[in-house]
Amino acid sequence: MKVIFLDRDGVICRFRLNDYAKNWQEFQFLPEAFSGLKRLSEAGYNIVVISNQAGVGKGIYSEAALQEITRRMLAVLASKNIRIAAVHYCLHTDQDNCDCRKPKPGMILQAARKFGLSDLSRCFFVGDAEVDILAGKNAGTRTILVLSGKTQSPAEIENWTTRPDFIASNLSEAAEIVLKKDGENCGRI
C-alpha cells in the first residue's frame, strides 16, 4: 500500500496569511495542486490530508463550515478523478496542548494505524511550514517542503531546527520527487 500525507493550506489550497478559509468562497485551489494530486492518485497513492484548523477551536468558523469546505473540496477533486483516502483535522489551539496538533505527530500516527502502516520511514509528508516538517519527522516520515504557501523561499528555513528532506516549488514538483523516489522503491509499504 502506498500512502502520502499532505498538509492542506499552502499545499492543496491557498494559504491565507493571518486568516483562514472560513467558507467555500474563501477556499481557492492552488493551480499546481491538481496536477500533483492527479499524478499521485494515478500512481495508486492513498492521499491523506493532515491539517491544523485552529480557526474552529478559536470560534472563527464552525466545524460545520469546515465540513462543508471539505465536502466541496473532495467533490471537485473527485470530478477530476482524484481520490482523497482520508482527511484528518486538528481543531485545537496551541493552548490546548493536544497530541494531534502539528508539530506533534498524532494525526499522522492515527492515519497510519487506520491504514495498517508499520514503517512510516518510506512515506512522505508534504507541507509548507516548519510545523509540517517537524510533524513528519516526529512521525518518522520523509519530508518535502513546498514553497507555495507559508514558506516562500529556501532562505526562510535557515533558522529552522529541522530541515526538510526535499524542497519543491509546489505540489506538482513534490509529486515528481515522490514518484522518482518510489521508483527507487521508497514509497511502498
C-alpha atoms as a PDB file:
ATOM      1  CA  MET A   1       0.000   0.000   0.000  1.00  0.00           C
ATOM      2  CA  LYS A   2       1.269   3.445  -0.919  1.00  0.00           C
ATOM      3  CA  VAL A   3       0.293   6.364   1.327  1.00  0.00           C
ATOM      4  CA  ILE A   4       1.258  10.019   1.179  1.00  0.00           C
ATOM      5  CA  PHE A   5       0.427  12.651   3.787  1.00  0.00           C
ATOM      6  CA  LEU A   6      -0.296  16.221   2.677  1.00  0.00           C
ATOM      7  CA  ASP A   7      -0.997  19.431   4.525  1.00  0.00           C
ATOM      8  CA  ARG A   8      -3.980  21.318   3.099  1.00  0.00           C
ATOM      9  CA  ASP A   9      -3.412  25.086   3.287  1.00  0.00           C
ATOM     10  CA  GLY A  10      -0.413  26.151   1.205  1.00  0.00           C
ATOM     11  CA  VAL A  11      -0.161  22.733  -0.441  1.00  0.00           C
ATOM     12  CA  ILE A  12      -3.602  21.992  -1.910  1.00  0.00           C
ATOM     13  CA  CYS A  13      -5.234  25.390  -1.426  1.00  0.00           C
ATOM     14  CA  ARG A  14      -4.056  28.960  -0.994  1.00  0.00           C
ATOM     15  CA  PHE A  15      -2.501  29.807   2.383  1.00  0.00           C
ATOM     16  CA  ARG A  16      -4.218  32.845   3.896  1.00  0.00           C
ATOM     17  CA  LEU A  17      -1.699  34.825   5.952  1.00  0.00           C
ATOM     18  CA  ASN A  18      -3.202  35.702   9.357  1.00  0.00           C
ATOM     19  CA  ASP A  19      -6.570  34.362   8.205  1.00  0.00           C
ATOM     20  CA  TYR A  20      -8.433  31.142   7.463  1.00  0.00           C
ATOM     21  CA  ALA A  21     -10.573  29.786   4.648  1.00  0.00           C
ATOM     22  CA  LYS A  22     -13.757  30.201   6.694  1.00  0.00           C
ATOM     23  CA  ASN A  23     -16.171  29.173   3.947  1.00  0.00           C
ATOM     24  CA  TRP A  24     -16.150  27.678   0.469  1.00  0.00           C
ATOM     25  CA  GLN A  25     -15.993  31.108  -1.190  1.00  0.00           C
ATOM     26  CA  GLU A  26     -12.644  31.765   0.537  1.00  0.00           C
ATOM     27  CA  PHE A  27     -11.190  28.360  -0.371  1.00  0.00           C
ATOM     28  CA  GLN A  28      -9.018  28.544  -3.503  1.00  0.00           C
ATOM     29  CA  PHE A  29      -7.195  25.576  -5.002  1.00  0.00           C
ATOM     30  CA  LEU A  30      -3.583  26.191  -5.939  1.00  0.00           C
ATOM     31  CA  PRO A  31      -3.313  25.682  -9.724  1.00  0.00           C
ATOM     32  CA  GLU A  32      -0.400  23.224  -9.472  1.00  0.00           C
ATOM     33  CA  ALA A  33      -2.200  21.146  -6.860  1.00  0.00           C
ATOM     34  CA  PHE A  34      -4.456  19.458  -9.397  1.00  0.00           C
ATOM     35  CA  SER A  35      -1.616  18.054 -11.489  1.00  0.00           C
ATOM     36  CA  GLY A  36       0.291  16.879  -8.406  1.00  0.00           C
ATOM     37  CA  LEU A  37      -2.758  15.228  -6.865  1.00  0.00           C
ATOM     38  CA  LYS A  38      -3.688  13.652 -10.196  1.00  0.00           C
ATOM     39  CA  ARG A  39      -0.242  12.137 -10.665  1.00  0.00           C
ATOM     40  CA  LEU A  40      -0.199  10.746  -7.118  1.00  0.00           C
ATOM     41  CA  SER A  41      -3.729   9.396  -7.447  1.00  0.00           C
ATOM     42  CA  GLU A  42      -2.981   7.740 -10.803  1.00  0.00           C
ATOM     43  CA  ALA A  43       0.172   6.201  -9.299  1.00  0.00           C
ATOM     44  CA  GLY A  44      -2.005   4.460  -6.699  1.00  0.00           C
ATOM     45  CA  TYR A  45      -1.222   6.564  -3.658  1.00  0.00           C
ATOM     46  CA  ASN A  46      -3.700   6.781  -0.821  1.00  0.00           C
ATOM     47  CA  ILE A  47      -3.672  10.544  -0.266  1.00  0.00           C
ATOM     48  CA  VAL A  48      -4.230  11.570   3.342  1.00  0.00           C
ATOM     49  CA  VAL A  49      -4.770  15.223   4.243  1.00  0.00           C
ATOM     50  CA  ILE A  50      -3.346  16.226   7.645  1.00  0.00           C
ATOM     51  CA  SER A  51      -4.210  19.799   8.643  1.00  0.00           C
ATOM     52  CA  ASN A  52      -4.354  22.050  11.691  1.00  0.00           C
ATOM     53  CA  GLN A  53      -7.617  24.009  11.630  1.00  0.00           C
ATOM     54  CA  ALA A  54      -7.429  26.043  14.834  1.00  0.00           C
ATOM     55  CA  GLY A  55      -9.959  28.532  13.473  1.00  0.00           C
ATOM     56  CA  VAL A  56     -12.650  26.152  14.695  1.00  0.00           C
ATOM     57  CA  GLY A  57     -11.150  25.991  18.198  1.00  0.00           C
ATOM     58  CA  LYS A  58     -10.851  29.780  18.246  1.00  0.00           C
ATOM     59  CA  GLY A  59     -14.503  30.174  17.225  1.00  0.00           C
ATOM     60  CA  ILE A  60     -13.617  31.963  13.962  1.00  0.00           C
ATOM     61  CA  TYR A  61     -15.586  29.463  11.868  1.00  0.00           C
ATOM     62  CA  SER A  62     -17.706  26.450  12.739  1.00  0.00           C
ATOM     63  CA  GLU A  63     -16.937  22.784  12.410  1.00  0.00           C
ATOM     64  CA  ALA A  64     -19.957  22.597  10.075  1.00  0.00           C
ATOM     65  CA  ALA A  65     -18.330  25.223   7.815  1.00  0.00           C
ATOM     66  CA  LEU A  66     -15.094  23.182   7.793  1.00  0.00           C
ATOM     67  CA  GLN A  67     -17.049  20.038   6.906  1.00  0.00           C
ATOM     68  CA  GLU A  68     -18.768  21.897   4.049  1.00  0.00           C
ATOM     69  CA  ILE A  69     -15.418  23.125   2.702  1.00  0.00           C
ATOM     70  CA  THR A  70     -14.077  19.565   2.916  1.00  0.00           C
ATOM     71  CA  ARG A  71     -17.150  18.070   1.231  1.00  0.00           C
ATOM     72  CA  ARG A  72     -16.869  20.523  -1.655  1.00  0.00           C
ATOM     73  CA  MET A  73     -13.081  20.117  -1.935  1.00  0.00           C
ATOM     74  CA  LEU A  74     -13.464  16.345  -2.186  1.00  0.00           C
ATOM     75  CA  ALA A  75     -16.266  16.704  -4.761  1.00  0.00           C
ATOM     76  CA  VAL A  76     -14.155  18.953  -7.003  1.00  0.00           C
ATOM     77  CA  LEU A  77     -11.226  16.551  -6.743  1.00  0.00           C
ATOM     78  CA  ALA A  78     -13.448  13.530  -7.418  1.00  0.00           C
ATOM     79  CA  SER A  79     -14.765  15.269 -10.558  1.00  0.00           C
ATOM     80  CA  LYS A  80     -11.133  15.310 -11.743  1.00  0.00           C
ATOM     81  CA  ASN A  81     -10.706  11.594 -10.861  1.00  0.00           C
ATOM     82  CA  ILE A  82      -8.591  12.433  -7.807  1.00  0.00           C
ATOM     83  CA  ARG A  83      -9.411  10.391  -4.731  1.00  0.00           C
ATOM     84  CA  ILE A  84      -8.530  11.509  -1.225  1.00  0.00           C
ATOM     85  CA  ALA A  85      -8.406   8.462   1.053  1.00  0.00           C
ATOM     86  CA  ALA A  86      -8.795  10.352   4.344  1.00  0.00           C
ATOM     87  CA  VAL A  87      -8.844  13.821   5.863  1.00  0.00           C
ATOM     88  CA  HIS A  88      -7.663  14.435   9.433  1.00  0.00           C
ATOM     89  CA  TYR A  89      -8.055  17.819  11.094  1.00  0.00           C
ATOM     90  CA  CYS A  90      -6.887  19.094  14.458  1.00  0.00           C
ATOM     91  CA  LEU A  91      -9.426  21.667  15.627  1.00  0.00           C
ATOM     92  CA  HIS A  92      -7.477  22.604  18.750  1.00  0.00           C
ATOM     93  CA  THR A  93      -5.454  25.722  19.501  1.00  0.00           C
ATOM     94  CA  ASP A  94      -1.830  25.765  20.681  1.00  0.00           C
ATOM     95  CA  GLN A  95      -3.045  26.327  24.238  1.00  0.00           C
ATOM     96  CA  ASP A  96      -4.983  23.035  24.212  1.00  0.00           C
ATOM     97  CA  ASN A  97      -1.674  21.123  24.090  1.00  0.00           C
ATOM     98  CA  CYS A  98      -3.277  18.157  22.340  1.00  0.00           C
ATOM     99  CA  ASP A  99      -1.430  15.239  20.767  1.00  0.00           C
ATOM    100  CA  CYS A 100      -2.898  15.817  17.328  1.00  0.00           C
ATOM    101  CA  ARG A 101      -1.851  19.406  16.602  1.00  0.00           C
ATOM    102  CA  LYS A 102       1.192  19.634  14.357  1.00  0.00           C
ATOM    103  CA  PRO A 103       4.131  19.621  15.010  1.00  0.00           C
ATOM    104  CA  LYS A 104       3.057  16.667  17.152  1.00  0.00           C
ATOM    105  CA  PRO A 105       2.569  13.529  15.028  1.00  0.00           C
ATOM    106  CA  GLY A 106      -0.821  12.440  16.400  1.00  0.00           C
ATOM    107  CA  MET A 107      -2.853  12.840  13.196  1.00  0.00           C
ATOM    108  CA  ILE A 108      -0.215  11.089  11.107  1.00  0.00           C
ATOM    109  CA  LEU A 109       0.021   8.212  13.580  1.00  0.00           C
ATOM    110  CA  GLN A 110      -3.777   7.918  13.724  1.00  0.00           C
ATOM    111  CA  ALA A 111      -3.925   7.694   9.927  1.00  0.00           C
ATOM    112  CA  ALA A 112      -1.052   5.188   9.908  1.00  0.00           C
ATOM    113  CA  ARG A 113      -2.993   2.921  12.277  1.00  0.00           C
ATOM    114  CA  LYS A 114      -6.082   3.235  10.078  1.00  0.00           C
ATOM    115  CA  PHE A 115      -4.107   2.094   7.041  1.00  0.00           C
ATOM    116  CA  GLY A 116      -2.116  -0.543   8.923  1.00  0.00           C
ATOM    117  CA  LEU A 117       1.221   1.162   8.275  1.00  0.00           C
ATOM    118  CA  SER A 118       4.121  -0.010  10.395  1.00  0.00           C
ATOM    119  CA  ASP A 119       7.054   1.634   8.607  1.00  0.00           C
ATOM    120  CA  LEU A 120       6.468   5.345   8.104  1.00  0.00           C
ATOM    121  CA  SER A 121      10.065   5.887   7.014  1.00  0.00           C
ATOM    122  CA  ARG A 122       9.013   5.020   3.482  1.00  0.00           C
ATOM    123  CA  CYS A 123       6.151   7.547   3.479  1.00  0.00           C
ATOM    124  CA  PHE A 124       6.301  11.247   2.695  1.00  0.00           C
ATOM    125  CA  PHE A 125       4.721  14.218   4.422  1.00  0.00           C
ATOM    126  CA  VAL A 126       4.359  17.288   2.192  1.00  0.00           C
ATOM    127  CA  GLY A 127       3.839  20.656   3.845  1.00  0.00           C
ATOM    128  CA  ASP A 128       4.506  24.365   3.514  1.00  0.00           C
ATOM    129  CA  ALA A 129       5.680  25.238   7.042  1.00  0.00           C
ATOM    130  CA  GLU A 130       8.131  24.225   9.741  1.00  0.00           C
ATOM    131  CA  VAL A 131       5.353  22.589  11.805  1.00  0.00           C
ATOM    132  CA  ASP A 132       4.686  20.253   8.870  1.00  0.00           C
ATOM    133  CA  ILE A 133       8.318  19.253   8.548  1.00  0.00           C
ATOM    134  CA  LEU A 134       8.532  18.713  12.314  1.00  0.00           C
ATOM    135  CA  ALA A 135       5.316  16.649  12.329  1.00  0.00           C
ATOM    136  CA  GLY A 136       6.617  14.472   9.518  1.00  0.00           C
ATOM    137  CA  LYS A 137       9.973  13.986  11.215  1.00  0.00           C
ATOM    138  CA  ASN A 138       8.272  13.312  14.576  1.00  0.00           C
ATOM    139  CA  ALA A 139       6.200  10.590  12.901  1.00  0.00           C
ATOM    140  CA  GLY A 140       9.240   9.136  11.131  1.00  0.00           C
ATOM    141  CA  THR A 141       8.338  10.122   7.557  1.00  0.00           C
ATOM    142  CA  ARG A 142      10.451  11.697   4.869  1.00  0.00           C
ATOM    143  CA  THR A 143       9.501  15.319   4.304  1.00  0.00           C
ATOM    144  CA  ILE A 144       9.028  17.669   1.385  1.00  0.00           C
ATOM    145  CA  LEU A 145       8.687  21.406   1.896  1.00  0.00           C
ATOM    146  CA  VAL A 146       6.695  23.173  -0.815  1.00  0.00           C
ATOM    147  CA  LEU A 147       7.267  26.877  -1.372  1.00  0.00           C
ATOM    148  CA  SER A 148       3.655  27.556  -2.360  1.00  0.00           C
ATOM    149  CA  GLY A 149       2.261  28.615   0.996  1.00  0.00           C
ATOM    150  CA  LYS A 150       3.534  29.947   4.289  1.00  0.00           C
ATOM    151  CA  THR A 151       7.161  29.363   3.297  1.00  0.00           C
ATOM    152  CA  GLN A 152       8.033  31.073   0.012  1.00  0.00           C
ATOM    153  CA  SER A 153      11.829  30.773  -0.186  1.00  0.00           C
ATOM    154  CA  PRO A 154      14.524  28.278   0.836  1.00  0.00           C
ATOM    155  CA  ALA A 155      16.243  31.149   2.691  1.00  0.00           C
ATOM    156  CA  GLU A 156      13.370  31.173   5.192  1.00  0.00           C
ATOM    157  CA  ILE A 157      14.417  27.800   6.616  1.00  0.00           C
ATOM    158  CA  GLU A 158      17.901  28.901   7.693  1.00  0.00           C
ATOM    159  CA  ASN A 159      16.885  29.169  11.360  1.00  0.00           C
ATOM    160  CA  TRP A 160      14.689  26.070  11.456  1.00  0.00           C
ATOM    161  CA  THR A 161      15.738  23.376  13.921  1.00  0.00           C
ATOM    162  CA  THR A 162      14.757  20.615  11.472  1.00  0.00           C
ATOM    163  CA  ARG A 163      15.373  20.612   7.743  1.00  0.00           C
ATOM    164  CA  PRO A 164      13.124  19.021   5.110  1.00  0.00           C
ATOM    165  CA  ASP A 165      14.498  16.097   3.137  1.00  0.00           C
ATOM    166  CA  PHE A 166      13.463  17.799  -0.111  1.00  0.00           C
ATOM    167  CA  ILE A 167      12.238  21.211  -1.260  1.00  0.00           C
ATOM    168  CA  ALA A 168       9.821  21.745  -4.169  1.00  0.00           C
ATOM    169  CA  SER A 169       8.151  24.807  -5.635  1.00  0.00           C
ATOM    170  CA  ASN A 170       4.660  23.292  -5.361  1.00  0.00           C
ATOM    171  CA  LEU A 171       2.717  20.052  -5.062  1.00  0.00           C
ATOM    172  CA  SER A 172       3.271  19.176  -8.714  1.00  0.00           C
ATOM    173  CA  GLU A 173       7.054  19.233  -8.198  1.00  0.00           C
ATOM    174  CA  ALA A 174       6.673  17.394  -4.894  1.00  0.00           C
ATOM    175  CA  ALA A 175       4.759  14.647  -6.702  1.00  0.00           C
ATOM    176  CA  GLU A 176       7.678  14.308  -9.143  1.00  0.00           C
ATOM    177  CA  ILE A 177      10.042  13.799  -6.207  1.00  0.00           C
ATOM    178  CA  VAL A 178       7.763  11.197  -4.618  1.00  0.00           C
ATOM    179  CA  LEU A 179       7.299   9.289  -7.864  1.00  0.00           C
ATOM    180  CA  LYS A 180      11.043   9.316  -8.561  1.00  0.00           C
ATOM    181  CA  LYS A 181      11.787   8.011  -5.071  1.00  0.00           C
ATOM    182  CA  ASP A 182       9.001   5.439  -5.413  1.00  0.00           C
ATOM    183  CA  GLY A 183      10.821   4.238  -8.499  1.00  0.00           C
ATOM    184  CA  GLU A 184      13.733   3.640  -6.160  1.00  0.00           C
ATOM    185  CA  ASN A 185      11.346   1.516  -4.026  1.00  0.00           C
ATOM    186  CA  CYS A 186      10.839   4.076  -1.275  1.00  0.00           C
ATOM    187  CA  GLY A 187       7.058   4.567  -1.408  1.00  0.00           C
ATOM    188  CA  ARG A 188       5.677   1.054  -0.925  1.00  0.00           C
ATOM    189  CA  ILE A 189       4.515  -0.141   2.444  1.00  0.00           C
END
